[in-house]
Amino acid sequence: KVSSNIGTAKIALMMGDEGLYSGLKEFKFGEKLGIELPGEEAGIFPSTKYWSKIKSTRVGIGHGISSTTLQVLSMMSTIANDGFQMKPFIVKQVINNKGEILIENKPELIGRPISRATALKMQYMLARVVSEVDGTGKKASVKGYNVAGKTGTAQQVKPSEEGGGYYKKRYNSSFVGFIPVENPKLCIIVMAEDPGVYTDKGQKIKYTGGTVCGPAFKEIADFSVRYLRISPEGKLVYMNRF
């Protein structure tokens, strides 16, 4: 809930290089998910034979791995879906003027990287990120609903022509979460490229995922649950619109 890099790095060390690598590969990091759009990237996730002794502590906090927004959203959706990972798609059906179905996408299971018990524990912990007073995602809360999610604030990578490594004051900030926690219906990710403002002393502020993307998540989620008539319990509410 406090987005501790040190805590996450310690867990990564406990898992070991192979455990961490195989666990993330189970979520399809480093692979294309097969969405029906051109240009999908697989990301970059080198095998452990290329890892240094401290690599796992970096991977654990999101460095040393390149992922797509879709992959992160898929991981969070899997946690919300009790550990079942589904293939993403954009369009459910394409129907011609004769009523014939030309294209139809149906739910397709592509893996189960974690057990239901683990998923439920993660749902509980991710809900604390938003619900607790000191949670980094408290600005993503939606009135009347329980929300779960995670903030992200990653330094941008320097290109090789600039010497490589990471920029000190340029970030990709994000918030990814699902609503409602009790019976998830929506999973949403918001990302901002290099947000924030500079003070007179040159210090960068207001750039973290919780500060920038949390409120945007709240606005999208709040509108969506009401438009789709999703109750706080995750049930569809049927009513007439006036």
Protein backbone atom coordinates (compact mmCIF):
# COMPACT_ATOMS: atom_id res chain seq x y z
CA LYS A 1 0.00 0.00 0.00
CA VAL A 2 3.00 2.34 0.46
CA SER A 3 4.71 1.17 -2.77
CA SER A 4 7.93 0.09 -1.05
CA ASN A 5 10.77 -0.61 -3.47
CA ILE A 6 12.88 -2.05 -0.66
CA GLY A 7 10.13 -4.45 0.42
CA THR A 8 9.56 -5.59 -3.15
CA ALA A 9 13.29 -6.04 -3.76
CA LYS A 10 13.56 -8.25 -0.66
CA ILE A 11 10.68 -10.42 -1.87
CA ALA A 12 12.39 -10.73 -5.27
CA LEU A 13 15.58 -11.95 -3.57
CA MET A 14 13.57 -14.51 -1.59
CA MET A 15 12.01 -15.82 -4.80
CA GLY A 16 15.38 -16.14 -6.52
CA ASP A 17 16.19 -15.36 -10.13
CA GLU A 18 14.48 -18.41 -11.64
CA GLY A 19 11.41 -18.12 -9.44
CA LEU A 20 10.93 -14.45 -10.29
CA TYR A 21 11.57 -14.98 -13.99
CA SER A 22 9.26 -17.99 -14.35
CA GLY A 23 6.56 -16.29 -12.30
CA LEU A 24 6.50 -13.25 -14.58
CA LYS A 25 6.69 -15.43 -17.69
CA GLU A 26 3.54 -17.20 -16.49
CA PHE A 27 1.80 -13.83 -16.90
CA LYS A 28 3.09 -13.69 -20.51
CA PHE A 29 5.59 -10.88 -19.99
CA GLY A 30 8.00 -10.82 -22.91
CA GLU A 31 5.34 -12.29 -25.21
CA LYS A 32 2.63 -10.93 -27.46
CA LEU A 33 -0.89 -11.51 -26.17
CA GLY A 34 -2.32 -11.80 -29.69
CA ILE A 35 -4.74 -8.87 -29.63
CA GLU A 36 -6.26 -8.17 -33.06
CA LEU A 37 -4.43 -4.89 -33.65
CA PRO A 38 -1.29 -4.32 -35.75
CA GLY A 39 1.93 -3.33 -34.06
CA GLU A 40 1.61 -5.19 -30.76
CA GLU A 41 4.98 -5.46 -29.05
CA ALA A 42 6.25 -8.34 -26.94
CA GLY A 43 8.34 -6.16 -24.66
CA ILE A 44 11.86 -7.04 -23.51
CA PHE A 45 12.45 -9.62 -20.79
CA PRO A 46 15.85 -11.34 -21.07
CA SER A 47 16.43 -14.80 -19.59
CA THR A 48 18.26 -15.19 -16.28
CA LYS A 49 21.55 -16.12 -17.96
CA TYR A 50 21.92 -12.42 -18.74
CA TRP A 51 21.09 -11.28 -15.21
CA SER A 52 23.59 -9.68 -12.84
CA LYS A 53 23.67 -10.53 -9.13
CA ILE A 54 21.35 -7.62 -8.31
CA LYS A 55 19.11 -7.92 -11.38
CA SER A 56 16.22 -9.54 -9.48
CA THR A 57 15.96 -6.57 -7.10
CA ARG A 58 15.63 -4.30 -10.14
CA VAL A 59 13.12 -6.47 -11.96
CA GLY A 60 11.07 -6.67 -8.77
CA ILE A 61 10.50 -2.90 -8.83
CA GLY A 62 9.90 -2.69 -12.58
CA HIS A 63 13.39 -1.91 -13.87
CA GLY A 64 15.32 -4.21 -16.21
CA ILE A 65 12.14 -5.28 -17.99
CA SER A 66 10.16 -3.61 -20.76
CA SER A 67 6.43 -4.31 -20.81
CA THR A 68 3.43 -3.00 -22.69
CA THR A 69 0.47 -1.31 -21.07
CA LEU A 70 -1.67 -4.21 -22.31
CA GLN A 71 0.54 -6.74 -20.51
CA VAL A 72 0.23 -4.84 -17.22
CA LEU A 73 -3.53 -4.57 -17.67
CA SER A 74 -3.72 -8.30 -18.43
CA MET A 75 -1.80 -9.12 -15.25
CA MET A 76 -4.15 -7.01 -13.12
CA SER A 77 -7.19 -8.51 -14.86
CA THR A 78 -5.87 -11.98 -14.07
CA ILE A 79 -5.64 -11.13 -10.38
CA ALA A 80 -9.19 -9.75 -10.48
CA ASN A 81 -10.33 -12.92 -12.33
CA ASP A 82 -9.19 -15.23 -9.52
CA GLY A 83 -5.99 -16.22 -11.32
CA PHE A 84 -7.42 -17.04 -14.75
CA GLN A 85 -5.76 -15.13 -17.61
CA MET A 86 -7.96 -14.52 -20.65
CA LYS A 87 -6.93 -13.56 -24.17
CA PRO A 88 -7.74 -9.88 -24.77
CA PHE A 89 -9.76 -8.73 -27.78
CA ILE A 90 -11.18 -5.44 -29.04
CA VAL A 91 -14.36 -6.37 -30.90
CA LYS A 92 -16.84 -8.99 -29.72
CA GLN A 93 -18.72 -9.34 -33.04
CA VAL A 94 -18.83 -8.00 -36.57
CA ILE A 95 -22.24 -8.48 -38.20
CA ASN A 96 -23.21 -7.58 -41.77
CA ASN A 97 -26.48 -6.00 -42.92
CA LYS A 98 -28.02 -9.47 -43.33
CA GLY A 99 -27.47 -10.29 -39.70
CA GLU A 100 -24.69 -12.75 -40.47
CA ILE A 101 -21.79 -12.94 -38.02
CA LEU A 102 -18.55 -12.28 -39.91
CA ILE A 103 -16.21 -12.20 -36.93
CA GLU A 104 -16.82 -13.34 -33.37
CA ASN A 105 -14.44 -13.37 -30.43
CA LYS A 106 -15.29 -15.62 -27.50
CA PRO A 107 -13.63 -15.90 -24.08
CA GLU A 108 -10.39 -17.86 -24.37
CA LEU A 109 -8.27 -19.00 -21.44
CA ILE A 110 -4.54 -18.54 -22.10
CA GLY A 111 -3.15 -19.44 -18.69
CA ARG A 112 -3.51 -19.62 -14.94
CA PRO A 113 -0.35 -18.07 -13.48
CA ILE A 114 -1.61 -17.96 -9.88
CA SER A 115 -4.06 -19.91 -7.76
CA ARG A 116 -7.40 -18.57 -6.60
CA ALA A 117 -6.07 -18.35 -3.04
CA THR A 118 -3.14 -16.21 -4.16
CA ALA A 119 -5.41 -14.04 -6.30
CA LEU A 120 -7.72 -13.41 -3.33
CA LYS A 121 -4.78 -12.37 -1.16
CA MET A 122 -3.61 -10.00 -3.88
CA GLN A 123 -7.12 -8.55 -4.26
CA TYR A 124 -7.16 -7.80 -0.53
CA MET A 125 -3.73 -6.15 -0.57
CA LEU A 126 -4.48 -4.14 -3.71
CA ALA A 127 -7.71 -2.88 -2.15
CA ARG A 128 -5.66 -1.46 0.75
CA VAL A 129 -3.64 0.60 -1.75
CA VAL A 130 -6.81 2.59 -2.43
CA SER A 131 -8.79 2.32 0.80
CA GLU A 132 -6.12 3.02 3.42
CA VAL A 133 -5.40 6.62 4.46
CA ASP A 134 -1.68 6.18 3.71
CA GLY A 135 -2.23 4.14 0.54
CA THR A 136 -0.47 5.50 -2.55
CA GLY A 137 -3.64 5.01 -4.64
CA LYS A 138 -6.18 6.71 -2.37
CA LYS A 139 -6.96 9.32 -5.06
CA ALA A 140 -8.36 6.50 -7.24
CA SER A 141 -11.22 5.77 -4.83
CA VAL A 142 -14.78 5.84 -6.17
CA LYS A 143 -17.57 6.86 -3.79
CA GLY A 144 -19.76 3.91 -2.84
CA TYR A 145 -17.46 1.30 -4.41
CA ASN A 146 -14.47 -0.71 -3.26
CA VAL A 147 -11.54 -0.27 -5.66
CA ALA A 148 -8.28 -2.21 -5.90
CA GLY A 149 -5.20 -1.14 -7.80
CA LYS A 150 -1.53 -0.24 -7.95
CA THR A 151 0.39 2.92 -8.66
CA GLY A 152 3.42 2.94 -10.93
CA THR A 153 6.18 5.54 -11.29
CA ALA A 154 8.98 4.34 -13.57
CA GLN A 155 12.02 6.27 -14.71
CA GLN A 156 12.23 6.57 -18.48
CA VAL A 157 15.05 4.76 -20.25
CA LYS A 158 17.80 6.78 -21.90
CA PRO A 159 18.62 5.80 -25.48
CA SER A 160 22.10 4.41 -26.12
CA GLU A 161 23.16 7.57 -27.95
CA GLU A 162 22.64 9.45 -24.68
CA GLY A 163 24.67 6.95 -22.70
CA GLY A 164 21.93 4.52 -21.65
CA GLY A 165 20.58 4.06 -18.14
CA TYR A 166 17.63 6.05 -16.83
CA TYR A 167 16.63 9.70 -16.84
CA LYS A 168 16.62 11.20 -13.34
CA LYS A 169 13.60 13.45 -13.81
CA ARG A 170 11.54 11.83 -16.58
CA TYR A 171 8.94 9.23 -15.73
CA ASN A 172 6.15 7.06 -17.06
CA SER A 173 3.47 7.19 -14.38
CA SER A 174 0.46 4.89 -14.17
CA PHE A 175 -2.41 3.50 -12.17
CA VAL A 176 -4.03 0.15 -12.92
CA GLY A 177 -6.95 -1.28 -11.00
CA PHE A 178 -10.32 -2.99 -10.96
CA ILE A 179 -13.81 -2.25 -9.64
CA PRO A 180 -15.68 -3.42 -7.60
CA VAL A 181 -13.35 -5.57 -5.51
CA GLU A 182 -16.09 -7.97 -4.39
CA ASN A 183 -17.09 -8.95 -7.93
CA PRO A 184 -14.78 -7.25 -10.46
CA LYS A 185 -16.40 -6.06 -13.68
CA LEU A 186 -13.94 -3.48 -15.02
CA CYS A 187 -10.17 -3.33 -15.14
CA ILE A 188 -8.72 0.03 -16.19
CA ILE A 189 -5.20 1.34 -16.74
CA VAL A 190 -4.18 4.97 -17.07
CA MET A 191 -0.66 6.00 -18.10
CA ALA A 192 0.94 9.43 -18.37
CA GLU A 193 4.21 10.11 -20.19
CA ASP A 194 6.56 12.41 -18.30
CA PRO A 195 3.98 14.30 -16.20
CA GLY A 196 4.75 16.76 -13.42
CA VAL A 197 5.81 20.35 -12.83
CA TYR A 198 9.06 21.95 -11.70
CA THR A 199 9.47 24.22 -8.70
CA ASP A 200 11.56 27.40 -8.75
CA LYS A 201 14.43 25.34 -7.32
CA GLY A 202 14.27 22.85 -10.19
CA GLN A 203 12.63 20.09 -8.17
CA LYS A 204 10.06 17.99 -10.01
CA ILE A 205 6.75 17.43 -8.21
CA LYS A 206 3.28 16.04 -8.94
CA TYR A 207 4.51 13.29 -11.24
CA THR A 208 3.76 10.02 -9.40
CA GLY A 209 1.21 7.50 -10.60
CA GLY A 210 -1.00 8.00 -7.58
CA THR A 211 -1.02 11.77 -7.96
CA VAL A 212 -1.46 11.99 -11.73
CA CYS A 213 -3.19 8.80 -12.88
CA GLY A 214 -5.19 7.93 -9.76
CA PRO A 215 -7.65 10.82 -10.22
CA ALA A 216 -8.01 10.01 -13.94
CA PHE A 217 -8.78 6.37 -13.06
CA LYS A 218 -11.40 7.58 -10.57
CA GLU A 219 -13.10 9.75 -13.17
CA ILE A 220 -13.18 6.98 -15.79
CA ALA A 221 -14.31 4.30 -13.34
CA ASP A 222 -16.97 6.48 -11.72
CA PHE A 223 -18.53 7.28 -15.09
CA SER A 224 -18.24 3.71 -16.35
CA VAL A 225 -19.92 1.90 -13.45
CA ARG A 226 -22.87 4.26 -13.63
CA TYR A 227 -23.15 4.15 -17.42
CA LEU A 228 -22.96 0.33 -17.40
CA ARG A 229 -25.28 0.18 -14.37
CA ILE A 230 -22.87 -1.84 -12.23
CA SER A 231 -23.83 -1.89 -8.56
CA PRO A 232 -21.25 -1.70 -5.73
CA GLU A 233 -21.68 -5.48 -5.40
CA GLY A 234 -20.78 -6.00 -9.06
CA LYS A 235 -24.33 -6.82 -10.18
CA LEU A 236 -26.00 -5.35 -13.24
CA VAL A 237 -28.86 -3.06 -12.27
CA TYR A 238 -31.69 -2.85 -14.76
CA MET A 239 -33.61 0.40 -14.76
CA ASN A 240 -35.17 2.82 -17.17
CA ARG A 241 -33.20 5.87 -18.19
CA PHE A 242 -35.10 9.16 -18.31
